[in-house]
Amino acid sequence: MVNSLTAPASLGSMGVLHNHAPLFTTLETGLLSYKKAGQEHTPQHIALDNGLMEVAGNHVLILVQAAEKAEDIDLSRAKAALARAKERLASVAKDIDAPRAEAALRRALTRIKACQ
């Protein structure tokens, strides 16, 4: 059972506690943090991609394109992805898809942050 969570909602980070009012929101690429019962001092982290979150009846449903627990992330691979995204954004080539490179940069930074 999870006591609390903090999610990267579109309008900013938002917390959810027991008996939270029902809501539906979009999520941005970012870090989801949660605390389990009995582990108050050790929040767990999950790197999320864009998606949706519904809170209703003390249940949270999260639908995202990708989610990775911190312990499942290959840090060296995330750092390599960050370097590639920065390289693409710094490129002067006209065929670079800037929004896609920016999304890759956000995902890589989120994955790295989850590991810290």
Protein backbone atom coordinates (compact mmCIF):
# COMPACT_ATOMS: atom_id res chain seq x y z
CA MET A 1 0.00 0.00 0.00
CA VAL A 2 1.24 3.48 -0.88
CA ASN A 3 0.82 6.26 1.70
CA SER A 4 1.52 9.18 -0.61
CA LEU A 5 2.76 10.01 -4.08
CA THR A 6 3.97 13.02 -5.98
CA ALA A 7 3.39 13.07 -9.74
CA PRO A 8 4.59 15.34 -12.57
CA ALA A 9 1.20 16.79 -13.57
CA SER A 10 0.97 19.11 -16.56
CA LEU A 11 0.41 22.20 -14.40
CA GLY A 12 3.16 21.27 -11.93
CA SER A 13 4.05 18.65 -9.38
CA MET A 14 1.06 17.40 -7.40
CA GLY A 15 0.74 15.26 -4.31
CA VAL A 16 -1.87 12.61 -3.57
CA LEU A 17 -2.70 11.38 -0.07
CA HIS A 18 -5.27 8.97 1.37
CA ASN A 19 -8.88 10.11 0.73
CA HIS A 20 -7.84 12.54 -2.02
CA ALA A 21 -10.71 14.06 -3.99
CA PRO A 22 -11.36 12.38 -7.34
CA LEU A 23 -9.43 13.90 -10.23
CA PHE A 24 -8.20 13.26 -13.73
CA THR A 25 -5.07 14.96 -15.07
CA THR A 26 -2.41 14.72 -17.73
CA LEU A 27 1.17 13.87 -16.79
CA GLU A 28 4.38 15.22 -18.24
CA THR A 29 7.72 13.46 -18.51
CA GLY A 30 9.08 13.53 -14.98
CA LEU A 31 9.70 11.76 -11.73
CA LEU A 32 6.96 10.02 -9.75
CA SER A 33 7.88 9.61 -6.08
CA TYR A 34 5.95 7.51 -3.61
CA LYS A 35 6.19 6.32 -0.03
CA LYS A 36 5.06 2.88 1.01
CA ALA A 37 3.59 2.05 4.41
CA GLY A 38 6.41 1.40 6.87
CA GLN A 39 9.03 3.12 4.68
CA GLU A 40 8.38 6.76 5.55
CA HIS A 41 11.99 7.90 5.14
CA THR A 42 12.75 6.16 1.85
CA PRO A 43 10.70 7.45 -1.08
CA GLN A 44 10.72 5.25 -4.19
CA HIS A 45 11.14 6.80 -7.65
CA ILE A 46 9.79 5.97 -11.09
CA ALA A 47 10.74 7.81 -14.29
CA LEU A 48 7.53 8.50 -16.27
CA ASP A 49 6.86 9.58 -19.81
CA ASN A 50 3.75 11.54 -20.86
CA GLY A 51 0.39 10.12 -19.94
CA LEU A 52 -2.71 10.32 -17.74
CA MET A 53 -3.54 9.89 -14.06
CA GLU A 54 -6.90 9.21 -12.42
CA VAL A 55 -7.51 9.35 -8.67
CA ALA A 56 -10.78 7.85 -7.38
CA GLY A 57 -11.81 5.92 -4.28
CA ASN A 58 -8.30 5.74 -2.77
CA HIS A 59 -6.95 4.23 -5.99
CA VAL A 60 -4.60 5.84 -8.48
CA LEU A 61 -4.49 4.71 -12.09
CA ILE A 62 -1.54 5.91 -14.16
CA LEU A 63 -1.37 5.35 -17.92
CA VAL A 64 1.90 6.47 -19.50
CA GLN A 65 3.94 5.73 -22.59
CA ALA A 66 6.84 4.45 -20.45
CA ALA A 67 7.64 3.95 -16.77
CA GLU A 68 10.89 2.69 -15.21
CA LYS A 69 11.71 2.04 -11.58
CA ALA A 70 14.97 3.64 -10.50
CA GLU A 71 16.59 0.27 -9.83
CA ASP A 72 15.79 -0.88 -13.40
CA ILE A 73 17.46 2.09 -15.12
CA ASP A 74 20.85 1.60 -16.75
CA LEU A 75 22.56 4.84 -15.71
CA SER A 76 25.34 4.64 -18.31
CA ARG A 77 22.74 4.15 -21.05
CA ALA A 78 20.73 7.14 -19.76
CA LYS A 79 23.87 9.31 -19.76
CA ALA A 80 24.64 8.23 -23.34
CA ALA A 81 21.07 9.14 -24.38
CA LEU A 82 21.50 12.54 -22.74
CA ALA A 83 24.73 13.15 -24.67
CA ARG A 84 23.06 12.14 -27.96
CA ALA A 85 20.09 14.45 -27.32
CA LYS A 86 22.38 17.39 -26.48
CA GLU A 87 24.41 16.70 -29.62
CA ARG A 88 21.29 16.67 -31.78
CA LEU A 89 20.03 19.92 -30.29
CA ALA A 90 23.41 21.60 -30.81
CA SER A 91 23.52 20.46 -34.45
CA VAL A 92 22.94 23.03 -37.15
CA ALA A 93 21.57 20.41 -39.56
CA LYS A 94 18.15 21.33 -40.92
CA ASP A 95 16.82 17.78 -40.82
CA ILE A 96 16.95 17.57 -37.00
CA ASP A 97 13.54 17.05 -35.38
CA ALA A 98 13.98 19.52 -32.48
CA PRO A 99 10.81 18.62 -30.54
CA ARG A 100 11.77 14.94 -30.65
CA ALA A 101 15.32 15.73 -29.48
CA GLU A 102 13.95 17.91 -26.66
CA ALA A 103 11.64 15.07 -25.56
CA ALA A 104 14.61 12.65 -25.59
CA LEU A 105 16.58 15.14 -23.48
CA ARG A 106 13.74 15.38 -20.90
CA ARG A 107 13.44 11.58 -20.73
CA ALA A 108 17.19 11.12 -20.25
CA LEU A 109 17.35 13.78 -17.52
CA THR A 110 14.37 12.20 -15.74
CA ARG A 111 15.96 8.74 -15.86
CA ILE A 112 19.23 10.11 -14.46
CA LYS A 113 17.41 12.00 -11.70
CA ALA A 114 15.51 8.83 -10.73
CA CYS A 115 18.83 7.08 -10.11
CA GLN A 116 20.14 9.77 -7.73
